[in-house]
Protein backbone atom coordinates (compact mmCIF):
# COMPACT_ATOMS: atom_id res chain seq x y z
CA MET A 1 -41.98 20.98 -0.56
CA ALA A 2 -44.89 21.55 2.27
CA SER A 3 -42.14 23.70 4.47
CA ASP A 4 -41.38 25.95 1.54
CA LYS A 5 -43.97 26.94 -1.09
CA GLU A 6 -41.53 28.85 -2.95
CA LYS A 7 -39.04 25.93 -3.20
CA GLY A 8 -41.67 23.63 -3.17
CA ILE A 9 -42.83 24.48 -6.78
CA ILE A 10 -38.93 23.96 -7.96
CA LEU A 11 -38.95 20.51 -6.18
CA HIS A 12 -42.35 19.54 -7.75
CA GLN A 13 -41.09 20.40 -11.08
CA ALA A 14 -37.71 18.84 -10.70
CA ARG A 15 -39.26 15.54 -9.65
CA LEU A 16 -41.34 15.55 -12.99
CA ILE A 17 -37.91 16.24 -15.03
CA LEU A 18 -36.56 13.14 -13.18
CA LEU A 19 -39.40 11.13 -13.88
CA GLU A 20 -39.39 12.18 -17.50
CA PHE A 21 -35.71 11.04 -17.81
CA GLN A 22 -36.73 7.80 -16.09
CA ALA A 23 -39.08 6.97 -18.67
CA THR A 24 -36.84 7.02 -21.43
CA GLY A 25 -35.19 3.68 -20.49
CA GLU A 26 -31.77 2.50 -21.93
CA ASP A 27 -32.51 2.73 -25.49
CA TRP A 28 -32.56 6.24 -26.14
CA GLU A 29 -32.78 7.23 -29.81
CA GLU A 30 -31.81 10.39 -31.44
CA GLN A 31 -35.81 11.37 -32.02
CA ASP A 32 -36.40 10.50 -28.44
CA GLN A 33 -33.56 13.02 -27.28
CA LEU A 34 -34.69 15.64 -29.32
CA LEU A 35 -38.45 15.58 -28.00
CA LEU A 36 -37.63 15.12 -24.28
CA PRO A 37 -37.35 18.99 -23.68
CA SER A 38 -40.75 19.68 -24.83
CA SER A 39 -42.37 16.52 -23.09
CA ILE A 40 -40.62 17.85 -19.79
CA HIS A 41 -41.97 21.23 -20.56
CA GLN A 42 -45.51 19.96 -21.23
CA ASN A 43 -45.66 17.92 -18.26
CA ILE A 44 -44.60 20.84 -15.98
CA GLN A 45 -47.51 22.93 -17.31
CA GLN A 46 -49.91 20.06 -16.74
CA GLY A 47 -48.75 19.43 -13.18
CA LYS A 48 -47.49 22.56 -11.93
CA PRO A 49 -49.65 23.71 -8.68
CA GLY A 50 -52.46 26.17 -9.19
CA ARG A 51 -52.72 29.55 -7.34
CA GLY A 52 -54.70 27.59 -4.36
CA HIS A 53 -51.28 25.98 -3.57
CA SER A 54 -49.11 29.16 -3.28
CA THR A 55 -49.32 32.67 -2.75
CA ILE A 56 -49.65 35.13 -5.48
CA LYS A 57 -46.34 36.51 -7.01
CA SER A 58 -45.77 39.45 -8.83
CA GLU A 59 -44.81 39.22 -12.57
CA HIS A 60 -41.24 39.94 -11.89
CA SER A 61 -40.99 37.09 -9.44
CA GLU A 62 -42.82 34.69 -12.17
CA LYS A 63 -40.34 35.51 -14.68
CA ASN A 64 -37.12 34.91 -12.57
CA HIS A 65 -38.98 31.60 -11.51
CA TRP A 66 -39.44 30.25 -15.12
CA ARG A 67 -35.93 31.42 -15.87
CA GLY A 68 -34.58 29.21 -13.33
CA ILE A 69 -36.74 26.24 -14.52
CA SER A 70 -35.19 26.95 -18.14
CA MET A 71 -31.79 26.71 -16.68
CA LEU A 72 -32.40 23.78 -14.64
CA LEU A 73 -33.65 22.19 -17.83
CA PHE A 74 -30.57 23.06 -19.93
CA VAL A 75 -27.94 21.75 -17.25
CA ILE A 76 -29.79 18.40 -16.96
CA PHE A 77 -30.05 17.93 -20.70
CA ILE A 78 -26.26 18.83 -21.05
CA SER A 79 -25.32 16.60 -18.43
CA MET A 80 -27.35 13.63 -19.94
CA MET A 81 -25.60 14.52 -23.31
CA GLY A 82 -22.17 14.31 -21.57
CA PHE A 83 -23.29 10.88 -19.86
CA LEU A 84 -24.19 9.50 -23.18
CA ALA A 85 -20.98 10.60 -24.81
CA PHE A 86 -18.76 9.19 -21.80
CA ASP A 87 -20.61 5.98 -22.24
CA VAL A 88 -19.83 5.71 -25.70
CA VAL A 89 -16.06 6.56 -25.22
CA LYS A 90 -15.94 3.96 -22.66
CA TYR A 91 -17.61 1.28 -24.82
CA HIS A 92 -14.82 1.82 -27.51
CA THR A 93 -11.75 2.03 -25.11
CA GLU A 94 -12.59 -0.70 -22.59
CA PRO A 95 -11.35 -3.52 -24.61
CA ALA A 96 -7.92 -1.59 -24.96
CA LEU A 97 -7.86 -1.46 -21.27
CA GLU A 98 -8.53 -5.17 -20.71
CA ASN A 99 -5.69 -6.07 -22.97
CA THR A 100 -3.38 -3.79 -21.08
CA GLU A 101 -4.39 -5.24 -17.84
CA ASN A 102 -3.80 -8.90 -19.30
CA LYS A 103 -0.16 -8.02 -19.64
CA PRO A 104 2.22 -8.90 -16.65
CA HIS A 105 3.13 -5.87 -14.74
CA TRP A 106 5.17 -5.57 -11.47
CA ILE A 107 3.31 -5.62 -7.91
CA THR A 108 5.03 -3.81 -5.10
CA LYS A 109 4.80 -4.14 -1.23
CA PHE A 110 6.62 -1.47 0.57
CA ASN A 111 6.80 -0.98 4.57
CA PRO A 112 8.11 2.21 5.61
CA LYS A 113 10.04 2.73 8.78
CA GLY A 114 8.17 1.56 11.96
CA GLN A 115 5.85 -0.68 10.04
CA LYS A 116 5.84 -4.35 9.49
CA SER A 117 3.25 -6.39 7.47
CA LYS A 118 2.53 -9.96 6.55
CA ILE A 119 1.26 -10.83 3.06
CA HIS A 120 0.12 -14.13 1.24
CA LEU A 121 1.53 -14.54 -2.37
CA PRO A 122 -0.68 -16.03 -5.11
CA ASP A 123 0.81 -19.29 -4.83
CA GLY A 124 0.07 -19.69 -1.04
CA SER A 125 3.63 -18.76 0.00
CA THR A 126 3.85 -15.91 2.73
CA VAL A 127 6.09 -13.08 3.46
CA ILE A 128 6.63 -11.18 6.59
CA ILE A 129 8.19 -7.85 5.46
CA ASN A 130 10.01 -5.89 8.07
CA ALA A 131 10.17 -2.14 8.33
CA ASP A 132 11.86 0.21 5.78
CA SER A 133 11.59 -3.01 3.33
CA GLU A 134 10.31 -3.74 -0.02
CA ILE A 135 9.26 -6.79 -2.41
CA LYS A 136 8.65 -6.79 -5.87
CA TYR A 137 6.94 -9.65 -8.06
CA ARG A 138 5.23 -10.01 -11.18
CA SER A 139 1.29 -10.42 -11.59
CA ASP A 140 1.95 -13.79 -13.17
CA PHE A 141 3.61 -14.96 -10.23
CA GLY A 142 2.74 -18.62 -9.32
CA VAL A 143 1.58 -19.35 -12.94
CA ASN A 144 4.94 -18.56 -15.21
CA ASN A 145 7.69 -18.04 -12.47
CA ARG A 146 7.96 -17.59 -8.53
CA GLU A 147 10.54 -14.72 -8.43
CA ILE A 148 10.92 -11.83 -5.96
CA HIS A 149 12.97 -8.96 -5.76
CA LEU A 150 13.81 -7.75 -2.35
CA THR A 151 15.16 -4.59 -0.90
CA GLY A 152 15.44 -4.60 3.06
CA GLU A 153 14.62 -7.80 5.05
CA SER A 154 11.78 -10.26 4.65
CA PHE A 155 11.05 -13.76 6.09
CA PHE A 156 9.57 -16.39 3.70
CA GLU A 157 7.52 -19.38 4.03
CA VAL A 158 7.55 -21.04 0.73
CA VAL A 159 4.98 -23.74 -0.53
CA PRO A 160 6.52 -26.67 -2.30
CA ASP A 161 6.14 -26.38 -6.06
CA SER A 162 8.57 -28.86 -8.01
CA LEU A 163 7.89 -27.17 -11.20
CA LEU A 164 8.49 -23.51 -10.10
CA PRO A 165 11.43 -22.88 -8.05
CA PHE A 166 10.86 -20.08 -5.56
CA ARG A 167 13.67 -17.68 -6.15
CA VAL A 168 14.55 -14.56 -4.03
CA PHE A 169 16.89 -11.82 -5.83
CA SER A 170 18.70 -9.56 -3.11
CA GLY A 171 21.28 -7.45 -4.67
CA LYS A 172 23.60 -9.84 -6.50
CA VAL A 173 22.63 -12.87 -4.33
CA ILE A 174 19.86 -15.28 -5.55
CA THR A 175 18.33 -17.76 -3.22
CA THR A 176 16.37 -20.58 -4.69
CA ALA A 177 13.98 -22.55 -2.65
CA LEU A 178 11.10 -25.49 -3.40
CA GLY A 179 9.60 -25.69 0.24
CA THR A 180 10.93 -24.07 3.18
CA SER A 181 11.41 -20.84 5.34
CA PHE A 182 14.12 -18.61 5.53
CA ASN A 183 15.25 -15.18 6.29
CA ILE A 184 17.08 -12.60 3.90
CA GLN A 185 18.49 -9.30 5.30
CA SER A 186 19.59 -7.04 2.41
CA TYR A 187 19.40 -3.36 3.68
CA ASN A 188 23.08 -3.14 2.52
CA PRO A 189 23.20 -4.30 -1.12
CA ASP A 190 26.79 -5.30 -0.63
CA LYS A 191 26.38 -7.33 2.49
CA ILE A 192 23.60 -9.76 2.00
CA LYS A 193 22.76 -12.40 4.99
CA VAL A 194 20.42 -15.60 4.22
CA GLN A 195 19.32 -17.58 7.14
CA LEU A 196 17.53 -20.72 6.86
CA ALA A 197 14.88 -22.13 9.09
CA THR A 198 13.17 -25.11 7.74
CA GLY A 199 13.97 -27.15 4.47
CA LYS A 200 16.75 -26.42 2.16
CA VAL A 201 17.96 -23.46 0.02
CA GLU A 202 20.69 -22.97 -2.76
CA VAL A 203 22.28 -19.51 -2.66
CA VAL A 204 24.75 -18.07 -5.37
CA ASN A 205 26.13 -14.80 -6.28
CA GLU A 206 25.90 -13.69 -9.65
CA LEU A 207 29.61 -12.32 -9.35
CA LEU A 208 30.82 -15.56 -8.57
CA GLU A 209 29.41 -18.12 -11.22
CA ASN A 210 31.27 -20.77 -10.00
CA GLN A 211 30.42 -21.07 -6.38
CA LEU A 212 27.16 -22.33 -4.94
CA VAL A 213 26.19 -23.06 -1.24
CA PHE A 214 23.52 -25.27 -0.04
CA LEU A 215 22.00 -24.37 3.60
CA GLN A 216 20.69 -26.74 6.31
CA PRO A 217 18.35 -25.59 8.91
CA GLY A 218 20.31 -23.17 11.56
CA GLU A 219 22.82 -22.37 8.90
CA GLU A 220 23.55 -19.03 7.42
CA VAL A 221 25.48 -17.43 4.60
CA THR A 222 26.90 -14.04 4.32
CA SER A 223 27.81 -12.56 0.92
CA VAL A 224 30.07 -9.26 1.24
CA GLY A 225 30.54 -7.65 -2.50
CA ASN A 226 32.36 -10.11 -4.81
CA GLN A 227 34.14 -11.73 -1.94
CA LYS A 228 33.60 -15.36 -1.34
CA ILE A 229 30.38 -16.34 0.34
CA THR A 230 30.96 -17.71 4.03
CA LYS A 231 28.73 -20.09 5.67
CA SER A 232 28.39 -20.45 9.32
CA LYS A 233 25.73 -21.25 12.23
CA PHE A 234 23.44 -18.67 13.38
CA ASN A 235 21.00 -18.00 16.56
CA PRO A 236 17.33 -18.30 15.43
CA LYS A 237 16.32 -16.45 18.28
CA LYS A 238 18.13 -13.51 17.47
CA ALA A 239 17.59 -13.70 13.66
CA PHE A 240 13.72 -14.33 13.80
CA SER A 241 12.71 -12.36 16.72
CA TRP A 242 11.55 -9.25 14.78
CA LYS A 243 8.68 -11.40 13.25
CA SER A 244 7.09 -11.71 16.82
CA GLY A 245 7.56 -8.18 17.87
CA VAL A 246 10.84 -8.74 19.82
CA LEU A 247 13.59 -6.01 19.30
CA PHE A 248 16.73 -8.04 20.11
CA PHE A 249 20.07 -6.74 20.49
CA ASP A 250 23.10 -9.04 20.81
CA ASN A 251 26.60 -6.99 21.18
CA ALA A 252 25.04 -4.42 18.80
CA SER A 253 27.36 -1.37 18.17
CA LEU A 254 25.99 1.99 18.86
CA SER A 255 25.52 2.77 15.07
CA GLU A 256 23.57 -0.54 15.10
CA PHE A 257 21.55 0.27 17.79
CA GLU A 258 20.69 3.64 16.31
CA LEU A 259 19.75 2.02 12.70
CA THR A 260 17.66 -0.38 14.22
CA LEU A 261 15.61 1.75 16.18
CA GLU A 262 15.03 4.26 13.59
CA ARG A 263 13.49 1.38 11.19
CA TRP A 264 11.78 -0.24 14.07
CA TYR A 265 9.93 3.13 15.27
CA GLY A 266 10.28 5.38 12.29
CA VAL A 267 11.96 7.98 13.95
CA GLU A 268 15.32 9.91 13.32
CA ILE A 269 17.90 9.69 16.03
CA SER A 270 20.70 12.12 16.95
CA LEU A 271 23.51 11.84 19.44
CA GLU A 272 25.03 14.57 21.75
CA ASN A 273 28.43 13.81 23.48
CA ARG A 274 29.03 10.37 21.65
CA PRO A 275 31.19 8.11 23.82
CA LYS A 276 34.87 7.65 22.75
CA GLN A 277 34.69 3.76 24.04
CA LYS A 278 32.96 1.38 21.76
CA LEU A 279 29.55 0.02 23.33
CA LYS A 280 28.30 -3.16 22.86
CA ILE A 281 24.51 -3.12 23.63
CA SER A 282 22.43 -6.17 24.41
CA GLY A 283 18.79 -6.36 25.36
CA GLU A 284 15.53 -8.02 24.50
CA PHE A 285 12.23 -6.00 24.60
CA LYS A 286 8.79 -7.34 23.24
CA ASP A 287 5.95 -4.73 22.03
CA SER A 288 7.73 -2.17 24.11
CA TYR A 289 7.47 1.49 23.56
CA LEU A 290 10.36 3.69 22.33
CA SER A 291 10.47 5.39 25.79
CA ASN A 292 10.77 2.31 27.63
CA VAL A 293 13.64 0.73 25.47
CA LEU A 294 15.70 3.97 25.71
CA GLU A 295 15.30 4.57 29.54
CA SER A 296 16.24 0.69 29.99
CA VAL A 297 19.30 0.96 27.71
CA GLY A 298 20.05 4.39 28.93
CA TYR A 299 20.30 3.57 32.47
CA ALA A 300 22.66 0.64 31.70
CA TYR A 301 24.95 2.48 28.98
CA GLY A 302 24.96 6.04 30.39
CA PHE A 303 22.71 8.16 28.38
CA ASN A 304 19.55 10.29 28.50
CA HIS A 305 16.89 10.76 25.77
CA ILE A 306 14.71 13.46 24.50
CA ILE A 307 11.78 12.48 22.19
CA ASP A 308 10.12 15.29 20.22
CA GLN A 309 7.68 13.54 17.83
CA LYS A 310 9.65 11.89 15.41
CA LYS A 311 12.98 13.42 16.58
CA VAL A 312 14.89 11.59 19.33
CA LYS A 313 18.36 12.87 21.00
CA LEU A 314 20.44 10.77 23.02
CA VAL A 315 22.38 12.52 25.38
CA PHE A 316 25.57 10.84 26.61
CA GLU A 317 27.09 11.68 29.98
CA HIS A 318 30.54 12.96 30.05
């Protein structure tokens, strides 16, 4: 106000307007609303600085000045009316919104390629979600049910609850646990793998109602389409290494190698001079940059690499 005499008058009068609004309080009756503009105008007339506080202005400037004040008053008054109208609408609609929120709804957790995450479920269980994977569960999870729908790969650490079995739906395979930890890989809905770390789980394929398989720690089942579920032993170091940031290849095919790197680092890989012979790639990399992985594997299996942002090209030697 002191640095700019012309704008200082406007600021002074705006202050009086705000003080008048503040004085209205929360209970604002219709009569008070109608009297407010005249009350503001009266206070401005009484509180405006005299000629000693500013330079003498022309009649034209004075008219423009009061035209600006009138417009400011009008805008603020309309804004307050809009605020009150919104408040009334909000008051009448909030109960309806509350009823909607109380209804169970789906909650989705998704990781794009190149990203992993760990979440805690409402029942205290934990899920580590791999890249390019998604889980869905209802908002009443842990109260009325403990059911999760999985696409991709996740590792589950389940809190025991004898009343509510923990069920994971992945493709046509249903895995049930009471208190255990296990890994499910279902990137391909027609080929699903369940690997048990601790406890005990029950696995069933909806297409094969009569076949029920129980797993002990260190055992896995593989379900391919509507074929009979097969059970075997597995290597926990290989199966669960992704949780600790370890990229592990054990005689992986070239296509498996490509797909894993695309999910792990969120890139797109193309090949040039694809080799005719089948490669079996092995290696272990912990928290490694993509360039380091490609340099090591390329040296062993005969290819160079070019990285351009999210595009990666593997060029095999003739």
